[in-house]
Amino acid sequence: MIIVTTTVNFAYLTGVWLETYERFKAVIKCGDYTAVVIPALDVDRVSGNVYPYRDGEDPAEALRQAVANCIDDVVYIDGGTTLRHFEIIKRALPQAQFKLADDLLKEWRAIKRRDEVEKIKAAAVKIRRVIESLETTPGVSERQFAARIYTALYEEGLAPGPILVQFGSNTAMPHLEPTDKKLRRGDAVVLDISASYGGYYADLTKSFFYGEPPDEYLKIYDIVKKAQQAVLNAVRSGARAADVDKAAREVIEAMGYGPYFIHRTGHGLGLEIHEAPDISPNSSDVLKPGMVFTIEPGVYIPGKYGVRLEIDVYLSEGGAEVL
């Protein structure tokens, strides 16, 4: 038997994003049986076997009723379950042995259904449309530019996720959030934009130079582009994620910029912006058809500029498809 309580795994198993805050919610699966325990005030949000409870009632009693037909002695729960909610589960199932369901859930969620892929693709198409519509103007701050992007994404029907806008030397810090730094001619620019459509995330990064780029910038951009292509060439069913990461790293290292590639090559996409597979040097993940992930090598020269190029790909039986 599996009991999940986190909002993201609840959404994965029911198709409904339901935020109940401190109130207990759960999806129960045992064999072909699925049931949900939710606050009574949300009873119209979810269909199927629904076991509601009112404020003031013990959700453990609703959970006991929901699992009455399940006879498993071992109960798998997701690791994001809060201690408060775990106490409710233990109260409902005092004789159960509890184990983590994270590996199983990771495996399930890593392989996308076609409808999930189409939502990620729609998000990528819409983000790309926003990127192409942006106008860079001198004097705009990173924070102001990020606000413009947020509004444009929202108008495209997306739910904006993290948005990184970096100008000049700030582009050498991959995860720096937007500041009041203003764009000047002669600045490198990195735009890292994520947003979800129907609950599913895409994540794209564009790097460019505002003005006449120096030769070193052009060189680095070309190296990162070749590293990204090397990864595309390496992506196939059965490939080790660590070897795919290595394909990018070898290109960058061969050109003498290895120390400046300071993060992994990619990460999975889905209901969360970071999920399986992990495309990194020490990853134990193996690529399988149905996976969707980013390819985003980068080179960052401290105090000068950085370049990151990020695309999203779907791995089918025939190979990688750029979304």
C-alpha atoms as a PDB file:
ATOM      1  CA  MET A   1       0.000   0.000   0.000  1.00  0.00           C
ATOM      2  CA  ILE A   2       1.148   3.514  -0.841  1.00  0.00           C
ATOM      3  CA  ILE A   3      -0.024   6.643   0.936  1.00  0.00           C
ATOM      4  CA  VAL A   4       1.103   9.979  -0.479  1.00  0.00           C
ATOM      5  CA  THR A   5       0.426  13.320   1.171  1.00  0.00           C
ATOM      6  CA  THR A   6       2.496  15.913  -0.707  1.00  0.00           C
ATOM      7  CA  THR A   7       0.681  18.235  -3.086  1.00  0.00           C
ATOM      8  CA  VAL A   8       2.809  17.283  -6.094  1.00  0.00           C
ATOM      9  CA  ASN A   9       2.357  13.523  -5.663  1.00  0.00           C
ATOM     10  CA  PHE A  10      -1.338  14.028  -4.904  1.00  0.00           C
ATOM     11  CA  ALA A  11      -1.565  15.833  -8.248  1.00  0.00           C
ATOM     12  CA  TYR A  12       0.368  13.087 -10.019  1.00  0.00           C
ATOM     13  CA  LEU A  13      -1.987  10.352  -8.790  1.00  0.00           C
ATOM     14  CA  THR A  14      -5.275  12.275  -9.055  1.00  0.00           C
ATOM     15  CA  GLY A  15      -4.689  14.946 -11.696  1.00  0.00           C
ATOM     16  CA  VAL A  16      -5.841  17.579  -9.194  1.00  0.00           C
ATOM     17  CA  TRP A  17      -3.602  20.257  -7.674  1.00  0.00           C
ATOM     18  CA  LEU A  18      -5.039  20.566  -4.203  1.00  0.00           C
ATOM     19  CA  GLU A  19      -3.304  22.753  -1.632  1.00  0.00           C
ATOM     20  CA  THR A  20      -4.804  22.089   1.796  1.00  0.00           C
ATOM     21  CA  TYR A  21      -2.033  23.803   3.782  1.00  0.00           C
ATOM     22  CA  GLU A  22      -2.005  22.448   7.336  1.00  0.00           C
ATOM     23  CA  ARG A  23      -5.036  20.209   6.723  1.00  0.00           C
ATOM     24  CA  PHE A  24      -4.344  16.528   6.023  1.00  0.00           C
ATOM     25  CA  LYS A  25      -4.860  15.050   2.553  1.00  0.00           C
ATOM     26  CA  ALA A  26      -3.757  11.721   1.117  1.00  0.00           C
ATOM     27  CA  VAL A  27      -4.023   9.389  -1.827  1.00  0.00           C
ATOM     28  CA  ILE A  28      -4.123   5.682  -1.028  1.00  0.00           C
ATOM     29  CA  LYS A  29      -3.222   3.029  -3.589  1.00  0.00           C
ATOM     30  CA  CYS A  30      -3.282  -0.716  -3.045  1.00  0.00           C
ATOM     31  CA  GLY A  31      -3.591  -2.910  -6.095  1.00  0.00           C
ATOM     32  CA  ASP A  32      -6.241  -1.472  -8.412  1.00  0.00           C
ATOM     33  CA  TYR A  33      -7.876   0.407  -5.552  1.00  0.00           C
ATOM     34  CA  THR A  34      -7.391   4.160  -5.195  1.00  0.00           C
ATOM     35  CA  ALA A  35      -8.978   6.438  -2.611  1.00  0.00           C
ATOM     36  CA  VAL A  36      -8.446   9.956  -1.311  1.00  0.00           C
ATOM     37  CA  VAL A  37      -8.817  11.512   2.111  1.00  0.00           C
ATOM     38  CA  ILE A  38      -9.472  15.254   1.955  1.00  0.00           C
ATOM     39  CA  PRO A  39     -11.040  18.055   3.998  1.00  0.00           C
ATOM     40  CA  ALA A  40     -14.804  18.248   3.506  1.00  0.00           C
ATOM     41  CA  LEU A  41     -14.483  21.792   2.179  1.00  0.00           C
ATOM     42  CA  ASP A  42     -12.654  20.354  -0.877  1.00  0.00           C
ATOM     43  CA  VAL A  43     -14.994  17.427  -1.470  1.00  0.00           C
ATOM     44  CA  ASP A  44     -16.181  18.715  -4.857  1.00  0.00           C
ATOM     45  CA  ARG A  45     -12.626  18.995  -6.185  1.00  0.00           C
ATOM     46  CA  VAL A  46     -11.865  15.274  -6.444  1.00  0.00           C
ATOM     47  CA  SER A  47     -13.903  12.374  -7.828  1.00  0.00           C
ATOM     48  CA  GLY A  48     -13.798   8.631  -7.130  1.00  0.00           C
ATOM     49  CA  ASN A  49     -13.485   7.042  -3.699  1.00  0.00           C
ATOM     50  CA  VAL A  50     -13.478  10.145  -1.521  1.00  0.00           C
ATOM     51  CA  TYR A  51     -13.331  10.049   2.278  1.00  0.00           C
ATOM     52  CA  PRO A  52     -13.862  13.577   3.613  1.00  0.00           C
ATOM     53  CA  TYR A  53     -13.577  14.882   7.135  1.00  0.00           C
ATOM     54  CA  ARG A  54     -14.762  18.147   8.642  1.00  0.00           C
ATOM     55  CA  ASP A  55     -12.747  20.595  10.679  1.00  0.00           C
ATOM     56  CA  GLY A  56     -12.773  19.321  14.230  1.00  0.00           C
ATOM     57  CA  GLU A  57     -12.958  15.671  13.149  1.00  0.00           C
ATOM     58  CA  ASP A  58      -9.952  13.353  13.249  1.00  0.00           C
ATOM     59  CA  PRO A  59      -8.622  12.727   9.711  1.00  0.00           C
ATOM     60  CA  ALA A  60      -7.124   9.473  11.007  1.00  0.00           C
ATOM     61  CA  GLU A  61     -10.660   8.058  11.186  1.00  0.00           C
ATOM     62  CA  ALA A  62     -11.313   8.966   7.536  1.00  0.00           C
ATOM     63  CA  LEU A  63      -7.990   7.357   6.625  1.00  0.00           C
ATOM     64  CA  ARG A  64      -8.899   4.186   8.550  1.00  0.00           C
ATOM     65  CA  GLN A  65     -12.098   3.945   6.512  1.00  0.00           C
ATOM     66  CA  ALA A  66     -10.261   4.598   3.250  1.00  0.00           C
ATOM     67  CA  VAL A  67      -7.783   1.758   3.823  1.00  0.00           C
ATOM     68  CA  ALA A  68     -10.277  -0.730   5.298  1.00  0.00           C
ATOM     69  CA  ASN A  69     -10.040  -2.979   2.221  1.00  0.00           C
ATOM     70  CA  CYS A  70      -6.230  -2.856   2.083  1.00  0.00           C
ATOM     71  CA  ILE A  71      -4.452  -5.593   4.011  1.00  0.00           C
ATOM     72  CA  ASP A  72      -0.791  -4.697   3.454  1.00  0.00           C
ATOM     73  CA  ASP A  73       1.364  -4.691   6.574  1.00  0.00           C
ATOM     74  CA  VAL A  74       3.965  -2.471   4.861  1.00  0.00           C
ATOM     75  CA  VAL A  75       2.958   1.077   4.011  1.00  0.00           C
ATOM     76  CA  TYR A  76       5.045   3.226   1.682  1.00  0.00           C
ATOM     77  CA  ILE A  77       4.807   6.987   2.178  1.00  0.00           C
ATOM     78  CA  ASP A  78       6.434   9.869   0.343  1.00  0.00           C
ATOM     79  CA  GLY A  79       9.407  11.478   2.055  1.00  0.00           C
ATOM     80  CA  GLY A  80       7.905  14.957   1.939  1.00  0.00           C
ATOM     81  CA  THR A  81       5.204  13.979   4.419  1.00  0.00           C
ATOM     82  CA  THR A  82       5.254  16.365   7.359  1.00  0.00           C
ATOM     83  CA  LEU A  83       5.732  15.003  10.854  1.00  0.00           C
ATOM     84  CA  ARG A  84       2.244  16.239  11.774  1.00  0.00           C
ATOM     85  CA  HIS A  85       0.691  14.276   8.913  1.00  0.00           C
ATOM     86  CA  PHE A  86       2.846  11.228   9.590  1.00  0.00           C
ATOM     87  CA  GLU A  87       1.421  11.164  13.104  1.00  0.00           C
ATOM     88  CA  ILE A  88      -2.075  11.002  11.596  1.00  0.00           C
ATOM     89  CA  ILE A  89      -1.050   8.051   9.398  1.00  0.00           C
ATOM     90  CA  LYS A  90       0.493   6.248  12.367  1.00  0.00           C
ATOM     91  CA  ARG A  91      -2.638   6.836  14.414  1.00  0.00           C
ATOM     92  CA  ALA A  92      -4.760   5.331  11.657  1.00  0.00           C
ATOM     93  CA  LEU A  93      -2.408   2.376  11.100  1.00  0.00           C
ATOM     94  CA  PRO A  94      -0.708   1.677  14.424  1.00  0.00           C
ATOM     95  CA  GLN A  95       0.491  -1.829  13.442  1.00  0.00           C
ATOM     96  CA  ALA A  96       1.949  -0.867  10.046  1.00  0.00           C
ATOM     97  CA  GLN A  97       5.608  -0.920   9.064  1.00  0.00           C
ATOM     98  CA  PHE A  98       6.517   2.269   7.220  1.00  0.00           C
ATOM     99  CA  LYS A  99       8.958   2.647   4.339  1.00  0.00           C
ATOM    100  CA  LEU A 100       9.769   5.436   1.892  1.00  0.00           C
ATOM    101  CA  ALA A 101       7.983   5.441  -1.463  1.00  0.00           C
ATOM    102  CA  ASP A 102      10.340   8.004  -3.014  1.00  0.00           C
ATOM    103  CA  ASP A 103      12.247   5.618  -5.298  1.00  0.00           C
ATOM    104  CA  LEU A 104       9.024   4.152  -6.661  1.00  0.00           C
ATOM    105  CA  LEU A 105       7.415   7.549  -7.170  1.00  0.00           C
ATOM    106  CA  LYS A 106      10.590   8.823  -8.825  1.00  0.00           C
ATOM    107  CA  GLU A 107      10.501   5.910 -11.258  1.00  0.00           C
ATOM    108  CA  TRP A 108       6.815   6.417 -12.055  1.00  0.00           C
ATOM    109  CA  ARG A 109       7.081  10.165 -12.561  1.00  0.00           C
ATOM    110  CA  ALA A 110      10.282  10.010 -14.632  1.00  0.00           C
ATOM    111  CA  ILE A 111       8.450   8.216 -17.469  1.00  0.00           C
ATOM    112  CA  LYS A 112       5.971  10.669 -18.915  1.00  0.00           C
ATOM    113  CA  ARG A 113       2.662   9.830 -20.521  1.00  0.00           C
ATOM    114  CA  ARG A 114       2.030  11.438 -23.894  1.00  0.00           C
ATOM    115  CA  ASP A 115      -0.375  13.977 -22.372  1.00  0.00           C
ATOM    116  CA  GLU A 116       2.315  15.013 -19.894  1.00  0.00           C
ATOM    117  CA  VAL A 117       4.849  15.471 -22.702  1.00  0.00           C
ATOM    118  CA  GLU A 118       2.402  17.596 -24.671  1.00  0.00           C
ATOM    119  CA  LYS A 119       1.903  19.912 -21.695  1.00  0.00           C
ATOM    120  CA  ILE A 120       5.663  20.342 -21.248  1.00  0.00           C
ATOM    121  CA  LYS A 121       6.005  20.982 -24.984  1.00  0.00           C
ATOM    122  CA  ALA A 122       3.220  23.585 -24.872  1.00  0.00           C
ATOM    123  CA  ALA A 123       4.986  25.318 -21.989  1.00  0.00           C
ATOM    124  CA  ALA A 124       8.276  25.328 -23.937  1.00  0.00           C
ATOM    125  CA  VAL A 125       6.619  26.742 -27.057  1.00  0.00           C
ATOM    126  CA  LYS A 126       4.990  29.520 -25.060  1.00  0.00           C
ATOM    127  CA  ILE A 127       8.190  30.380 -23.172  1.00  0.00           C
ATOM    128  CA  ARG A 128      10.068  30.535 -26.475  1.00  0.00           C
ATOM    129  CA  ARG A 129       7.396  32.875 -27.836  1.00  0.00           C
ATOM    130  CA  VAL A 130       7.868  35.156 -24.829  1.00  0.00           C
ATOM    131  CA  ILE A 131      11.656  35.145 -25.236  1.00  0.00           C
ATOM    132  CA  GLU A 132      11.345  36.086 -28.906  1.00  0.00           C
ATOM    133  CA  SER A 133       9.001  38.967 -28.065  1.00  0.00           C
ATOM    134  CA  LEU A 134      11.285  40.581 -25.488  1.00  0.00           C
ATOM    135  CA  GLU A 135      12.911  43.919 -26.238  1.00  0.00           C
ATOM    136  CA  THR A 136      16.136  44.778 -24.444  1.00  0.00           C
ATOM    137  CA  THR A 137      16.539  48.453 -23.614  1.00  0.00           C
ATOM    138  CA  PRO A 138      19.519  50.102 -21.920  1.00  0.00           C
ATOM    139  CA  GLY A 139      18.867  51.188 -18.361  1.00  0.00           C
ATOM    140  CA  VAL A 140      16.336  48.488 -17.529  1.00  0.00           C
ATOM    141  CA  SER A 141      17.190  46.628 -14.325  1.00  0.00           C
ATOM    142  CA  GLU A 142      17.313  42.862 -13.970  1.00  0.00           C
ATOM    143  CA  ARG A 143      14.370  43.072 -11.590  1.00  0.00           C
ATOM    144  CA  GLN A 144      12.302  45.188 -13.992  1.00  0.00           C
ATOM    145  CA  PHE A 145      13.090  42.862 -16.894  1.00  0.00           C
ATOM    146  CA  ALA A 146      12.108  39.826 -14.824  1.00  0.00           C
ATOM    147  CA  ALA A 147       8.778  41.515 -14.030  1.00  0.00           C
ATOM    148  CA  ARG A 148       8.156  42.029 -17.761  1.00  0.00           C
ATOM    149  CA  ILE A 149       8.860  38.358 -18.395  1.00  0.00           C
ATOM    150  CA  TYR A 150       6.556  37.297 -15.559  1.00  0.00           C
ATOM    151  CA  THR A 151       3.687  39.325 -16.989  1.00  0.00           C
ATOM    152  CA  ALA A 152       4.280  38.025 -20.513  1.00  0.00           C
ATOM    153  CA  LEU A 153       4.301  34.421 -19.309  1.00  0.00           C
ATOM    154  CA  TYR A 154       1.088  34.958 -17.377  1.00  0.00           C
ATOM    155  CA  GLU A 155      -0.566  36.489 -20.448  1.00  0.00           C
ATOM    156  CA  GLU A 156       0.475  33.398 -22.428  1.00  0.00           C
ATOM    157  CA  GLY A 157      -1.548  31.266 -20.052  1.00  0.00           C
ATOM    158  CA  LEU A 158       1.424  29.929 -18.110  1.00  0.00           C
ATOM    159  CA  ALA A 159       2.118  29.750 -14.394  1.00  0.00           C
ATOM    160  CA  PRO A 160       5.542  31.427 -14.064  1.00  0.00           C
ATOM    161  CA  GLY A 161       8.237  29.567 -12.159  1.00  0.00           C
ATOM    162  CA  PRO A 162      11.706  30.850 -11.222  1.00  0.00           C
ATOM    163  CA  ILE A 163      12.895  33.594 -13.581  1.00  0.00           C
ATOM    164  CA  LEU A 164      16.572  34.530 -13.658  1.00  0.00           C
ATOM    165  CA  VAL A 165      17.726  37.705 -15.407  1.00  0.00           C
ATOM    166  CA  GLN A 166      21.439  38.488 -15.243  1.00  0.00           C
ATOM    167  CA  PHE A 167      23.420  41.308 -16.837  1.00  0.00           C
ATOM    168  CA  GLY A 168      27.169  41.822 -17.200  1.00  0.00           C
ATOM    169  CA  SER A 169      29.362  40.129 -14.588  1.00  0.00           C
ATOM    170  CA  ASN A 170      26.241  38.776 -12.864  1.00  0.00           C
ATOM    171  CA  THR A 171      25.943  36.234 -15.707  1.00  0.00           C
ATOM    172  CA  ALA A 172      28.948  34.440 -14.189  1.00  0.00           C
ATOM    173  CA  MET A 173      26.776  33.475 -11.190  1.00  0.00           C
ATOM    174  CA  PRO A 174      24.322  30.849 -12.523  1.00  0.00           C
ATOM    175  CA  HIS A 175      21.695  31.036  -9.753  1.00  0.00           C
ATOM    176  CA  LEU A 176      21.868  34.746  -8.914  1.00  0.00           C
ATOM    177  CA  GLU A 177      18.334  36.134  -8.607  1.00  0.00           C
ATOM    178  CA  PRO A 178      17.424  39.426 -10.339  1.00  0.00           C
ATOM    179  CA  THR A 179      18.987  42.526  -8.768  1.00  0.00           C
ATOM    180  CA  ASP A 180      18.789  46.255  -9.412  1.00  0.00           C
ATOM    181  CA  LYS A 181      21.768  46.037 -11.795  1.00  0.00           C
ATOM    182  CA  LYS A 182      20.941  47.936 -14.999  1.00  0.00           C
ATOM    183  CA  LEU A 183      21.625  46.826 -18.548  1.00  0.00           C
ATOM    184  CA  ARG A 184      24.388  48.630 -20.384  1.00  0.00           C
ATOM    185  CA  ARG A 185      25.635  48.245 -23.930  1.00  0.00           C
ATOM    186  CA  GLY A 186      28.553  45.834 -23.782  1.00  0.00           C
ATOM    187  CA  ASP A 187      26.881  43.536 -21.228  1.00  0.00           C
ATOM    188  CA  ALA A 188      26.414  39.795 -21.483  1.00  0.00           C
ATOM    189  CA  VAL A 189      22.830  38.693 -20.783  1.00  0.00           C
ATOM    190  CA  VAL A 190      21.439  35.405 -19.452  1.00  0.00           C
ATOM    191  CA  LEU A 191      17.691  34.767 -19.328  1.00  0.00           C
ATOM    192  CA  ASP A 192      16.688  31.539 -17.547  1.00  0.00           C
ATOM    193  CA  ILE A 193      12.920  31.182 -17.703  1.00  0.00           C
ATOM    194  CA  SER A 194      10.680  28.459 -16.320  1.00  0.00           C
ATOM    195  CA  ALA A 195       6.904  28.176 -16.331  1.00  0.00           C
ATOM    196  CA  SER A 196       4.266  25.470 -16.229  1.00  0.00           C
ATOM    197  CA  TYR A 197       1.291  24.690 -18.443  1.00  0.00           C
ATOM    198  CA  GLY A 198      -1.395  22.445 -16.995  1.00  0.00           C
ATOM    199  CA  GLY A 199       0.921  21.865 -14.040  1.00  0.00           C
ATOM    200  CA  TYR A 200       3.930  20.736 -16.120  1.00  0.00           C
ATOM    201  CA  TYR A 201       7.169  22.713 -16.341  1.00  0.00           C
ATOM    202  CA  ALA A 202       9.431  23.718 -19.195  1.00  0.00           C
ATOM    203  CA  ASP A 203      12.748  25.467 -18.554  1.00  0.00           C
ATOM    204  CA  LEU A 204      14.723  27.391 -21.197  1.00  0.00           C
ATOM    205  CA  THR A 205      17.818  29.591 -21.054  1.00  0.00           C
ATOM    206  CA  LYS A 206      19.047  32.081 -23.635  1.00  0.00           C
ATOM    207  CA  SER A 207      22.453  33.797 -23.517  1.00  0.00           C
ATOM    208  CA  PHE A 208      23.450  36.710 -25.722  1.00  0.00           C
ATOM    209  CA  PHE A 209      25.566  39.847 -25.767  1.00  0.00           C
ATOM    210  CA  TYR A 210      24.031  43.324 -25.791  1.00  0.00           C
ATOM    211  CA  GLY A 211      26.339  45.142 -28.155  1.00  0.00           C
ATOM    212  CA  GLU A 212      29.516  44.005 -29.848  1.00  0.00           C
ATOM    213  CA  PRO A 213      30.717  40.783 -28.160  1.00  0.00           C
ATOM    214  CA  PRO A 214      34.427  40.294 -27.424  1.00  0.00           C
ATOM    215  CA  ASP A 215      36.218  37.398 -29.105  1.00  0.00           C
ATOM    216  CA  GLU A 216      36.411  35.387 -25.885  1.00  0.00           C
ATOM    217  CA  TYR A 217      32.646  35.581 -25.419  1.00  0.00           C
ATOM    218  CA  LEU A 218      32.082  34.331 -28.962  1.00  0.00           C
ATOM    219  CA  LYS A 219      34.548  31.515 -28.329  1.00  0.00           C
ATOM    220  CA  ILE A 220      32.817  30.462 -25.119  1.00  0.00           C
ATOM    221  CA  TYR A 221      29.388  30.630 -26.750  1.00  0.00           C
ATOM    222  CA  ASP A 222      30.599  28.352 -29.545  1.00  0.00           C
ATOM    223  CA  ILE A 223      32.089  25.873 -27.053  1.00  0.00           C
ATOM    224  CA  VAL A 224      28.844  25.713 -25.052  1.00  0.00           C
ATOM    225  CA  LYS A 225      26.850  25.234 -28.263  1.00  0.00           C
ATOM    226  CA  LYS A 226      29.104  22.345 -29.298  1.00  0.00           C
ATOM    227  CA  ALA A 227      28.832  20.816 -25.830  1.00  0.00           C
ATOM    228  CA  GLN A 228      25.056  20.927 -26.075  1.00  0.00           C
ATOM    229  CA  GLN A 229      25.176  19.202 -29.470  1.00  0.00           C
ATOM    230  CA  ALA A 230      27.512  16.545 -28.062  1.00  0.00           C
ATOM    231  CA  VAL A 231      24.906  15.792 -25.402  1.00  0.00           C
ATOM    232  CA  LEU A 232      22.149  15.519 -28.002  1.00  0.00           C
ATOM    233  CA  ASN A 233      24.301  13.046 -29.881  1.00  0.00           C
ATOM    234  CA  ALA A 234      24.866  11.015 -26.706  1.00  0.00           C
ATOM    235  CA  VAL A 235      21.225  10.850 -25.627  1.00  0.00           C
ATOM    236  CA  ARG A 236      19.662   7.455 -26.296  1.00  0.00           C
ATOM    237  CA  SER A 237      17.662   4.828 -24.471  1.00  0.00           C
ATOM    238  CA  GLY A 238      19.898   2.868 -22.123  1.00  0.00           C
ATOM    239  CA  ALA A 239      22.571   5.559 -21.860  1.00  0.00           C
ATOM    240  CA  ARG A 240      23.868   6.317 -18.392  1.00  0.00           C
ATOM    241  CA  ALA A 241      23.002   9.863 -17.338  1.00  0.00           C
ATOM    242  CA  ALA A 242      26.572  10.256 -16.048  1.00  0.00           C
ATOM    243  CA  ASP A 243      27.931   9.448 -19.530  1.00  0.00           C
ATOM    244  CA  VAL A 244      25.582  11.993 -21.095  1.00  0.00           C
ATOM    245  CA  ASP A 245      26.900  14.604 -18.663  1.00  0.00           C
ATOM    246  CA  LYS A 246      30.434  13.526 -19.585  1.00  0.00           C
ATOM    247  CA  ALA A 247      29.764  14.227 -23.267  1.00  0.00           C
ATOM    248  CA  ALA A 248      29.285  17.927 -22.492  1.00  0.00           C
ATOM    249  CA  ARG A 249      32.129  18.056 -20.008  1.00  0.00           C
ATOM    250  CA  GLU A 250      34.637  16.548 -22.441  1.00  0.00           C
ATOM    251  CA  VAL A 251      33.971  19.245 -25.056  1.00  0.00           C
ATOM    252  CA  ILE A 252      34.380  22.048 -22.531  1.00  0.00           C
ATOM    253  CA  GLU A 253      37.442  20.497 -20.889  1.00  0.00           C
ATOM    254  CA  ALA A 254      39.142  19.939 -24.252  1.00  0.00           C
ATOM    255  CA  MET A 255      38.971  23.694 -24.878  1.00  0.00           C
ATOM    256  CA  GLY A 256      40.498  24.515 -21.481  1.00  0.00           C
ATOM    257  CA  TYR A 257      37.324  25.703 -19.764  1.00  0.00           C
ATOM    258  CA  GLY A 258      36.604  22.637 -17.627  1.00  0.00           C
ATOM    259  CA  PRO A 259      36.983  24.471 -14.286  1.00  0.00           C
ATOM    260  CA  TYR A 260      34.340  26.967 -15.419  1.00  0.00           C
ATOM    261  CA  PHE A 261      31.587  24.397 -15.992  1.00  0.00           C
ATOM    262  CA  ILE A 262      30.345  24.316 -12.415  1.00  0.00           C
ATOM    263  CA  HIS A 263      26.994  22.535 -12.495  1.00  0.00           C
ATOM    264  CA  ARG A 264      25.327  19.450 -13.898  1.00  0.00           C
ATOM    265  CA  THR A 265      24.343  19.152 -17.552  1.00  0.00           C
ATOM    266  CA  GLY A 266      20.621  18.738 -16.980  1.00  0.00           C
ATOM    267  CA  HIS A 267      17.645  17.690 -14.893  1.00  0.00           C
ATOM    268  CA  GLY A 268      14.261  16.118 -15.423  1.00  0.00           C
ATOM    269  CA  LEU A 269      11.093  18.137 -15.946  1.00  0.00           C
ATOM    270  CA  GLY A 270       7.516  17.429 -14.974  1.00  0.00           C
ATOM    271  CA  LEU A 271       5.189  18.490 -12.186  1.00  0.00           C
ATOM    272  CA  GLU A 272       8.306  19.911 -10.548  1.00  0.00           C
ATOM    273  CA  ILE A 273      10.991  21.932 -12.251  1.00  0.00           C
ATOM    274  CA  HIS A 274      13.696  19.587 -10.936  1.00  0.00           C
ATOM    275  CA  GLU A 275      12.968  15.868 -10.959  1.00  0.00           C
ATOM    276  CA  ALA A 276      14.394  12.648 -12.400  1.00  0.00           C
ATOM    277  CA  PRO A 277      16.528  12.004 -14.350  1.00  0.00           C
ATOM    278  CA  ASP A 278      19.593  13.721 -12.919  1.00  0.00           C
ATOM    279  CA  ILE A 279      22.099  14.403 -15.703  1.00  0.00           C
ATOM    280  CA  SER A 280      25.201  14.831 -13.545  1.00  0.00           C
ATOM    281  CA  PRO A 281      28.663  13.249 -13.137  1.00  0.00           C
ATOM    282  CA  ASN A 282      27.669  10.996 -10.224  1.00  0.00           C
ATOM    283  CA  SER A 283      24.146  10.146 -11.318  1.00  0.00           C
ATOM    284  CA  SER A 284      23.078   6.507 -11.228  1.00  0.00           C
ATOM    285  CA  ASP A 285      20.081   7.190 -13.496  1.00  0.00           C
ATOM    286  CA  VAL A 286      19.724   5.388 -16.822  1.00  0.00           C
ATOM    287  CA  LEU A 287      17.846   7.122 -19.643  1.00  0.00           C
ATOM    288  CA  LYS A 288      14.598   5.501 -20.755  1.00  0.00           C
ATOM    289  CA  PRO A 289      11.975   6.363 -23.378  1.00  0.00           C
ATOM    290  CA  GLY A 290       9.395   8.736 -21.946  1.00  0.00           C
ATOM    291  CA  MET A 291      11.859  10.859 -19.986  1.00  0.00           C
ATOM    292  CA  VAL A 292      11.887  14.639 -20.413  1.00  0.00           C
ATOM    293  CA  PHE A 293      14.893  16.642 -19.297  1.00  0.00           C
ATOM    294  CA  THR A 294      16.982  19.744 -19.889  1.00  0.00           C
ATOM    295  CA  ILE A 295      20.335  20.009 -21.626  1.00  0.00           C
ATOM    296  CA  GLU A 296      22.066  23.097 -20.258  1.00  0.00           C
ATOM    297  CA  PRO A 297      25.871  23.177 -20.316  1.00  0.00           C
ATOM    298  CA  GLY A 298      27.507  26.442 -19.331  1.00  0.00           C
ATOM    299  CA  VAL A 299      30.796  28.259 -18.883  1.00  0.00           C
ATOM    300  CA  TYR A 300      31.212  31.027 -16.300  1.00  0.00           C
ATOM    301  CA  ILE A 301      34.216  33.342 -16.063  1.00  0.00           C
ATOM    302  CA  PRO A 302      34.175  35.039 -12.632  1.00  0.00           C
ATOM    303  CA  GLY A 303      33.925  38.808 -12.778  1.00  0.00           C
ATOM    304  CA  LYS A 304      33.356  38.819 -16.548  1.00  0.00           C
ATOM    305  CA  TYR A 305      30.484  36.827 -18.022  1.00  0.00           C
ATOM    306  CA  GLY A 306      28.803  33.471 -18.346  1.00  0.00           C
ATOM    307  CA  VAL A 307      27.082  31.548 -21.115  1.00  0.00           C
ATOM    308  CA  ARG A 308      24.403  28.898 -20.581  1.00  0.00           C
ATOM    309  CA  LEU A 309      22.268  27.389 -23.339  1.00  0.00           C
ATOM    310  CA  GLU A 310      19.287  25.346 -22.220  1.00  0.00           C
ATOM    311  CA  ILE A 311      16.826  23.288 -24.220  1.00  0.00           C
ATOM    312  CA  ASP A 312      14.233  20.699 -23.187  1.00  0.00           C
ATOM    313  CA  VAL A 313      14.200  17.251 -24.797  1.00  0.00           C
ATOM    314  CA  TYR A 314      11.896  14.241 -24.846  1.00  0.00           C
ATOM    315  CA  LEU A 315      13.468  10.811 -25.238  1.00  0.00           C
ATOM    316  CA  SER A 316      11.417   8.560 -27.497  1.00  0.00           C
ATOM    317  CA  GLU A 317      12.253   5.104 -28.822  1.00  0.00           C
ATOM    318  CA  GLY A 318      13.835   6.834 -31.806  1.00  0.00           C
ATOM    319  CA  GLY A 319      16.016   9.267 -29.872  1.00  0.00           C
ATOM    320  CA  ALA A 320      15.921  12.805 -28.493  1.00  0.00           C
ATOM    321  CA  GLU A 321      13.273  15.255 -29.628  1.00  0.00           C
ATOM    322  CA  VAL A 322      13.767  18.943 -28.816  1.00  0.00           C
ATOM    323  CA  LEU A 323      10.532  20.332 -27.378  1.00  0.00           C
END
